[in-house]
Protein backbone atom coordinates (compact mmCIF):
# COMPACT_ATOMS: atom_id res chain seq x y z
CA MET A 1 9.19 14.94 -6.37
CA GLU A 2 9.90 12.31 -8.99
CA ILE A 3 6.98 10.50 -10.62
CA SER A 4 9.07 7.34 -10.53
CA ALA A 5 8.80 7.28 -6.65
CA ILE A 6 5.00 7.37 -6.87
CA LEU A 7 4.99 4.67 -9.62
CA CYS A 8 7.35 2.58 -7.61
CA GLY A 9 4.92 2.82 -4.63
CA VAL A 10 1.98 1.86 -6.89
CA ALA A 11 3.91 -1.14 -8.18
CA ALA A 12 4.60 -2.27 -4.57
CA GLY A 13 0.83 -1.88 -3.82
CA VAL A 14 -0.06 -3.96 -6.80
CA THR A 15 2.51 -6.59 -5.84
CA TYR A 16 1.21 -6.71 -2.32
CA SER A 17 -2.39 -6.99 -3.45
CA LEU A 18 -1.71 -9.77 -5.90
CA THR A 19 0.40 -11.75 -3.51
CA SER A 20 -2.16 -11.36 -0.74
CA PHE A 21 -4.84 -12.55 -3.13
CA ALA A 22 -2.72 -15.58 -4.31
CA LYS A 23 -2.23 -16.86 -0.72
CA LYS A 24 -5.97 -17.07 -0.12
CA GLU A 25 -7.89 -20.03 -1.48
CA GLY A 26 -11.38 -19.92 -2.64
CA GLN A 27 -11.69 -16.19 -2.20
CA ALA A 28 -13.03 -13.94 -4.97
CA PHE A 29 -10.84 -11.05 -6.24
CA GLU A 30 -11.96 -7.81 -4.66
CA TRP A 31 -11.41 -4.71 -6.77
CA LYS A 32 -12.06 -2.38 -3.96
CA LYS A 33 -9.21 -3.85 -1.78
CA PHE A 34 -6.98 -3.91 -4.88
CA GLY A 35 -7.68 -0.20 -5.52
CA THR A 36 -7.15 0.83 -1.90
CA THR A 37 -3.85 -0.97 -1.74
CA ARG A 38 -2.61 0.65 -4.97
CA ILE A 39 -3.60 4.10 -3.40
CA ILE A 40 -1.64 3.27 -0.20
CA GLY A 41 1.39 2.24 -2.30
CA GLY A 42 1.18 5.47 -4.23
CA GLY A 43 1.04 7.32 -0.95
CA ALA A 44 4.09 5.47 0.25
CA GLY A 45 5.92 6.42 -2.90
CA ALA A 46 4.88 9.94 -2.68
CA MET A 47 6.09 10.15 0.78
CA THR A 48 9.54 8.84 -0.08
CA GLY A 49 9.60 11.35 -2.98
CA LEU A 50 8.41 14.30 -0.86
CA LEU A 51 11.17 13.42 1.80
CA GLY A 52 13.71 13.69 -1.00
CA MET A 53 15.14 10.18 -0.45
CA GLN A 54 17.71 9.61 -3.13
CA ILE A 55 17.53 5.95 -3.67
CA ASP A 56 17.43 3.81 -6.72
CA LEU A 57 14.21 2.33 -7.90
CA ALA A 58 15.08 -1.21 -6.70
CA TYR A 59 15.51 -0.03 -3.12
CA ALA A 60 12.57 2.35 -3.34
CA TYR A 61 10.44 -0.63 -4.38
CA LEU A 62 11.61 -2.83 -1.47
CA ILE A 63 11.10 0.17 0.96
CA ASN A 64 7.54 0.65 -0.38
CA MET A 65 6.91 -3.00 -0.02
CA GLY A 66 7.44 -2.78 3.66
CA ILE A 67 5.45 0.50 4.04
CA VAL A 68 2.30 -0.66 2.27
CA PRO A 69 1.32 -3.49 4.58
CA ILE A 70 2.17 -1.48 7.80
CA VAL A 71 -0.08 1.49 6.61
CA GLU A 72 -2.81 -0.87 5.44
CA ASN A 73 -2.85 -2.83 8.83
CA LEU A 74 -2.92 0.44 10.77
CA LEU A 75 -5.85 1.74 8.70
CA LYS A 76 -7.72 -1.53 9.27
CA PHE A 77 -7.06 -1.25 13.00
CA VAL A 78 -8.24 2.27 13.28
CA TYR A 79 -11.38 1.36 11.29
CA ARG A 80 -12.18 -1.82 13.17
CA LYS A 81 -11.34 -0.79 16.68
CA ILE A 82 -12.10 2.99 16.66
CA ILE A 83 -14.32 4.23 13.87
CA LYS A 84 -16.67 1.16 13.73
CA ARG A 85 -17.52 1.68 17.41
CA PHE A 86 -18.64 5.20 16.94
CA VAL A 87 -20.26 4.94 13.47
CA LYS A 88 -23.14 2.44 13.47
């Protein structure tokens, strides 16, 4: 697995975090969310690397930009609708 795939995923996570923060007015920056999104981005990059996808970095970045919000939204759904009901 290439480290560049992971770094590309992390970059996609950082971009997603910063653009999400920029669109919200009057909200304080949350380091926890920023860190979580970077980890998800790194995971997306690792996944593309482990699958052996031979794509150049520009395409990898764009692919990871699509994966990051999908995974983040799925994790939020699972937490809010399933885990939160059983763990009080």
